[in-house]
């Protein structure tokens, strides 16, 4: 899943399920599950041998307690950063699909569809492409900056300094 090109996978899933907003969302979630599984596995393997986890095991704490009290808070910052970056990726992906005519359809307003309609009048009225293009760029930048701020706030390694 991680090595296969994600855009091709999105096209395949939307092609199989049909063109609709729900299917585009399902395709985006279907593609990214492996990234989250890898991130969670890496985080758990990184923290499972730490002293605080080993101490909890020694005193007989249940695995569920160790997971929710120690491991999950330790990997939350990494997951928050990945999720905020993925929101920006999903916005670009949905806009790309709509621009190509495979995403959100005509009556529903969407920035990719607006760019698709504006390309018809690009030579006579190029200003029509600026508003949806800038909106996409600004929103993706905001989510990326939010992910950076979340990492700074939630990272337990930063608190120790």
C-alpha atoms as a PDB file:
ATOM      1  CA  UNK A   1       0.000   0.000   0.000  1.00  0.00           C
ATOM      2  CA  UNK A   2       2.806   2.414   0.832  1.00  0.00           C
ATOM      3  CA  UNK A   3       4.715   1.850  -2.399  1.00  0.00           C
ATOM      4  CA  UNK A   4       1.777   2.075  -4.807  1.00  0.00           C
ATOM      5  CA  UNK A   5       1.123   5.562  -6.269  1.00  0.00           C
ATOM      6  CA  UNK A   6      -1.730   7.041  -4.269  1.00  0.00           C
ATOM      7  CA  UNK A   7      -3.302   9.053  -7.081  1.00  0.00           C
ATOM      8  CA  UNK A   8      -3.684   5.944  -9.242  1.00  0.00           C
ATOM      9  CA  UNK A   9      -5.256   4.112  -6.313  1.00  0.00           C
ATOM     10  CA  UNK A  10      -7.734   6.970  -5.803  1.00  0.00           C
ATOM     11  CA  UNK A  11      -8.651   6.854  -9.497  1.00  0.00           C
ATOM     12  CA  UNK A  12      -9.162   3.084  -9.267  1.00  0.00           C
ATOM     13  CA  UNK A  13     -11.334   3.250  -6.147  1.00  0.00           C
ATOM     14  CA  UNK A  14     -13.466   6.104  -7.521  1.00  0.00           C
ATOM     15  CA  UNK A  15     -13.709   4.281 -10.856  1.00  0.00           C
ATOM     16  CA  UNK A  16     -14.909   1.101  -9.137  1.00  0.00           C
ATOM     17  CA  UNK A  17     -17.339   2.731  -6.710  1.00  0.00           C
ATOM     18  CA  UNK A  18     -18.620   5.517  -8.969  1.00  0.00           C
ATOM     19  CA  UNK A  19     -18.369   9.292  -8.941  1.00  0.00           C
ATOM     20  CA  UNK A  20     -19.725  10.841  -5.737  1.00  0.00           C
ATOM     21  CA  UNK A  21     -18.516  12.798  -2.718  1.00  0.00           C
ATOM     22  CA  UNK A  22     -18.801   9.769  -0.436  1.00  0.00           C
ATOM     23  CA  UNK A  23     -16.738   7.588  -2.773  1.00  0.00           C
ATOM     24  CA  UNK A  24     -13.998  10.216  -3.016  1.00  0.00           C
ATOM     25  CA  UNK A  25     -13.822  10.338   0.794  1.00  0.00           C
ATOM     26  CA  UNK A  26     -13.784   6.534   0.998  1.00  0.00           C
ATOM     27  CA  UNK A  27     -10.959   6.442  -1.561  1.00  0.00           C
ATOM     28  CA  UNK A  28      -8.889   8.943   0.433  1.00  0.00           C
ATOM     29  CA  UNK A  29      -9.388   7.018   3.682  1.00  0.00           C
ATOM     30  CA  UNK A  30      -8.665   3.688   1.986  1.00  0.00           C
ATOM     31  CA  UNK A  31      -5.336   4.954   0.710  1.00  0.00           C
ATOM     32  CA  UNK A  32      -4.062   6.468   3.952  1.00  0.00           C
ATOM     33  CA  UNK A  33      -4.807   3.665   6.444  1.00  0.00           C
ATOM     34  CA  UNK A  34      -1.400   2.067   5.852  1.00  0.00           C
ATOM     35  CA  UNK A  35       0.398   5.301   6.764  1.00  0.00           C
ATOM     36  CA  UNK A  36      -1.422   5.469  10.087  1.00  0.00           C
ATOM     37  CA  UNK A  37      -0.834   1.777  10.802  1.00  0.00           C
ATOM     38  CA  UNK A  38       2.872   2.231  10.106  1.00  0.00           C
ATOM     39  CA  UNK A  39       3.056   5.368  12.282  1.00  0.00           C
ATOM     40  CA  UNK A  40       1.271   3.664  15.203  1.00  0.00           C
ATOM     41  CA  UNK A  41       3.416   0.538  14.937  1.00  0.00           C
ATOM     42  CA  UNK A  42       6.619   2.570  14.832  1.00  0.00           C
ATOM     43  CA  UNK A  43       5.554   4.650  17.833  1.00  0.00           C
ATOM     44  CA  UNK A  44       4.563   1.630  19.892  1.00  0.00           C
ATOM     45  CA  UNK A  45       7.832  -0.150  19.074  1.00  0.00           C
ATOM     46  CA  UNK A  46       9.772   2.995  19.993  1.00  0.00           C
ATOM     47  CA  UNK A  47       8.157   3.375  23.419  1.00  0.00           C
ATOM     48  CA  UNK A  48       7.453  -0.236  24.448  1.00  0.00           C
ATOM     49  CA  UNK A  49      10.901  -0.751  25.979  1.00  0.00           C
ATOM     50  CA  UNK A  50      11.034   2.541  27.865  1.00  0.00           C
ATOM     51  CA  UNK A  51      11.318   2.505  31.637  1.00  0.00           C
ATOM     52  CA  UNK A  52       7.830   3.867  32.323  1.00  0.00           C
ATOM     53  CA  UNK A  53       6.232   1.091  30.248  1.00  0.00           C
ATOM     54  CA  UNK A  54       8.453  -1.593  31.775  1.00  0.00           C
ATOM     55  CA  UNK A  55       7.667  -0.352  35.285  1.00  0.00           C
ATOM     56  CA  UNK A  56       3.934  -0.518  34.564  1.00  0.00           C
ATOM     57  CA  UNK A  57       4.351  -4.096  33.384  1.00  0.00           C
ATOM     58  CA  UNK A  58       6.369  -4.987  36.507  1.00  0.00           C
ATOM     59  CA  UNK A  59       3.712  -3.717  38.882  1.00  0.00           C
ATOM     60  CA  UNK A  60       1.043  -5.691  37.008  1.00  0.00           C
ATOM     61  CA  UNK A  61      -0.821  -2.991  35.129  1.00  0.00           C
ATOM     62  CA  UNK A  62      -3.073  -4.367  32.375  1.00  0.00           C
ATOM     63  CA  UNK A  63      -2.013  -3.916  28.747  1.00  0.00           C
ATOM     64  CA  UNK A  64      -5.050  -1.699  28.119  1.00  0.00           C
ATOM     65  CA  UNK A  65      -3.890   0.690  30.863  1.00  0.00           C
ATOM     66  CA  UNK A  66      -0.356   0.789  29.435  1.00  0.00           C
ATOM     67  CA  UNK A  67      -1.711   1.446  25.955  1.00  0.00           C
ATOM     68  CA  UNK A  68      -4.025   4.315  26.932  1.00  0.00           C
ATOM     69  CA  UNK A  69      -1.917   5.804  29.734  1.00  0.00           C
ATOM     70  CA  UNK A  70       1.581   5.580  28.265  1.00  0.00           C
ATOM     71  CA  UNK A  71       1.774   4.588  24.609  1.00  0.00           C
ATOM     72  CA  UNK A  72      -1.118   6.538  23.107  1.00  0.00           C
ATOM     73  CA  UNK A  73      -0.135   9.894  24.660  1.00  0.00           C
ATOM     74  CA  UNK A  74       3.430   9.345  23.446  1.00  0.00           C
ATOM     75  CA  UNK A  75       2.412   8.936  19.801  1.00  0.00           C
ATOM     76  CA  UNK A  76      -0.447  11.458  19.743  1.00  0.00           C
ATOM     77  CA  UNK A  77       1.718  14.315  18.522  1.00  0.00           C
ATOM     78  CA  UNK A  78       3.002  12.286  15.567  1.00  0.00           C
ATOM     79  CA  UNK A  79      -0.520  11.216  14.644  1.00  0.00           C
ATOM     80  CA  UNK A  80      -1.815  14.794  14.912  1.00  0.00           C
ATOM     81  CA  UNK A  81       0.874  16.053  12.560  1.00  0.00           C
ATOM     82  CA  UNK A  82       0.200  13.259  10.076  1.00  0.00           C
ATOM     83  CA  UNK A  83      -3.557  13.879  10.246  1.00  0.00           C
ATOM     84  CA  UNK A  84      -3.210  17.627   9.649  1.00  0.00           C
ATOM     85  CA  UNK A  85      -0.890  17.025   6.693  1.00  0.00           C
ATOM     86  CA  UNK A  86      -3.315  14.451   5.346  1.00  0.00           C
ATOM     87  CA  UNK A  87      -6.197  16.923   5.508  1.00  0.00           C
ATOM     88  CA  UNK A  88      -4.215  19.227   3.232  1.00  0.00           C
ATOM     89  CA  UNK A  89      -3.366  16.272   0.990  1.00  0.00           C
ATOM     90  CA  UNK A  90      -7.046  15.268   0.853  1.00  0.00           C
ATOM     91  CA  UNK A  91      -8.100  18.803  -0.094  1.00  0.00           C
ATOM     92  CA  UNK A  92      -5.624  18.820  -2.971  1.00  0.00           C
ATOM     93  CA  UNK A  93      -6.651  15.302  -3.960  1.00  0.00           C
ATOM     94  CA  UNK A  94     -10.373  16.086  -3.949  1.00  0.00           C
ATOM     95  CA  UNK A  95      -9.740  19.266  -5.924  1.00  0.00           C
ATOM     96  CA  UNK A  96      -7.673  17.306  -8.443  1.00  0.00           C
ATOM     97  CA  UNK A  97     -10.413  14.727  -8.884  1.00  0.00           C
ATOM     98  CA  UNK A  98     -13.031  17.453  -9.305  1.00  0.00           C
ATOM     99  CA  UNK A  99     -10.814  19.276 -11.793  1.00  0.00           C
ATOM    100  CA  UNK A 100     -10.589  16.079 -13.847  1.00  0.00           C
ATOM    101  CA  UNK A 101     -14.342  15.483 -13.574  1.00  0.00           C
ATOM    102  CA  UNK A 102     -14.085  12.447 -11.277  1.00  0.00           C
ATOM    103  CA  UNK A 103     -14.911  14.101  -7.971  1.00  0.00           C
ATOM    104  CA  UNK A 104     -17.651  16.408  -6.791  1.00  0.00           C
ATOM    105  CA  UNK A 105     -20.202  16.988  -9.540  1.00  0.00           C
ATOM    106  CA  UNK A 106     -21.674  20.207 -10.933  1.00  0.00           C
ATOM    107  CA  UNK A 107     -24.381  21.449  -8.561  1.00  0.00           C
ATOM    108  CA  UNK A 108     -22.087  21.088  -5.527  1.00  0.00           C
ATOM    109  CA  UNK A 109     -19.545  23.928  -5.301  1.00  0.00           C
ATOM    110  CA  UNK A 110     -15.930  22.745  -5.109  1.00  0.00           C
ATOM    111  CA  UNK A 111     -12.683  24.555  -5.869  1.00  0.00           C
ATOM    112  CA  UNK A 112     -11.359  21.950  -8.302  1.00  0.00           C
ATOM    113  CA  UNK A 113     -14.616  22.090 -10.266  1.00  0.00           C
ATOM    114  CA  UNK A 114     -14.391  25.890 -10.253  1.00  0.00           C
ATOM    115  CA  UNK A 115     -10.879  25.673 -11.689  1.00  0.00           C
ATOM    116  CA  UNK A 116     -12.147  23.247 -14.325  1.00  0.00           C
ATOM    117  CA  UNK A 117     -14.881  25.691 -15.372  1.00  0.00           C
ATOM    118  CA  UNK A 118     -12.471  28.635 -15.288  1.00  0.00           C
ATOM    119  CA  UNK A 119      -9.994  26.965 -17.658  1.00  0.00           C
ATOM    120  CA  UNK A 120     -12.518  27.440 -20.468  1.00  0.00           C
ATOM    121  CA  UNK A 121     -12.198  31.223 -20.157  1.00  0.00           C
ATOM    122  CA  UNK A 122      -8.528  31.327 -19.209  1.00  0.00           C
ATOM    123  CA  UNK A 123      -7.499  33.557 -22.100  1.00  0.00           C
ATOM    124  CA  UNK A 124     -10.401  35.998 -21.829  1.00  0.00           C
ATOM    125  CA  UNK A 125     -10.843  36.119 -18.032  1.00  0.00           C
ATOM    126  CA  UNK A 126      -7.857  34.635 -16.167  1.00  0.00           C
ATOM    127  CA  UNK A 127      -8.936  36.215 -12.868  1.00  0.00           C
ATOM    128  CA  UNK A 128     -11.530  33.448 -12.414  1.00  0.00           C
ATOM    129  CA  UNK A 129      -8.778  30.933 -11.680  1.00  0.00           C
ATOM    130  CA  UNK A 130      -7.151  33.061  -8.994  1.00  0.00           C
ATOM    131  CA  UNK A 131      -9.837  32.858  -6.286  1.00  0.00           C
ATOM    132  CA  UNK A 132     -10.225  29.060  -6.094  1.00  0.00           C
ATOM    133  CA  UNK A 133      -6.482  28.519  -6.620  1.00  0.00           C
ATOM    134  CA  UNK A 134      -5.533  30.878  -3.789  1.00  0.00           C
ATOM    135  CA  UNK A 135      -8.240  29.376  -1.562  1.00  0.00           C
ATOM    136  CA  UNK A 136      -6.791  25.889  -2.032  1.00  0.00           C
ATOM    137  CA  UNK A 137      -3.233  27.064  -1.384  1.00  0.00           C
ATOM    138  CA  UNK A 138      -4.194  29.065   1.724  1.00  0.00           C
ATOM    139  CA  UNK A 139      -6.265  26.276   3.251  1.00  0.00           C
ATOM    140  CA  UNK A 140      -3.562  23.651   2.704  1.00  0.00           C
ATOM    141  CA  UNK A 141      -0.937  26.020   4.161  1.00  0.00           C
ATOM    142  CA  UNK A 142      -3.158  26.646   7.201  1.00  0.00           C
ATOM    143  CA  UNK A 143      -3.506  22.913   7.856  1.00  0.00           C
ATOM    144  CA  UNK A 144       0.253  22.438   7.492  1.00  0.00           C
ATOM    145  CA  UNK A 145       0.931  25.277   9.942  1.00  0.00           C
ATOM    146  CA  UNK A 146      -1.670  23.851  12.309  1.00  0.00           C
ATOM    147  CA  UNK A 147       0.111  20.497  12.178  1.00  0.00           C
ATOM    148  CA  UNK A 148       3.390  22.180  13.049  1.00  0.00           C
ATOM    149  CA  UNK A 149       1.768  24.006  15.968  1.00  0.00           C
ATOM    150  CA  UNK A 150       0.111  20.783  17.190  1.00  0.00           C
ATOM    151  CA  UNK A 151       3.464  19.031  17.121  1.00  0.00           C
ATOM    152  CA  UNK A 152       4.981  21.798  19.218  1.00  0.00           C
ATOM    153  CA  UNK A 153       2.140  21.697  21.743  1.00  0.00           C
ATOM    154  CA  UNK A 154       1.662  17.928  22.010  1.00  0.00           C
ATOM    155  CA  UNK A 155       5.229  16.661  21.724  1.00  0.00           C
ATOM    156  CA  UNK A 156       6.258  15.240  25.120  1.00  0.00           C
ATOM    157  CA  UNK A 157       9.945  15.571  24.209  1.00  0.00           C
ATOM    158  CA  UNK A 158       9.521  19.352  23.908  1.00  0.00           C
ATOM    159  CA  UNK A 159       7.996  19.616  27.393  1.00  0.00           C
ATOM    160  CA  UNK A 160      11.123  18.163  28.994  1.00  0.00           C
ATOM    161  CA  UNK A 161      13.377  20.931  27.629  1.00  0.00           C
END
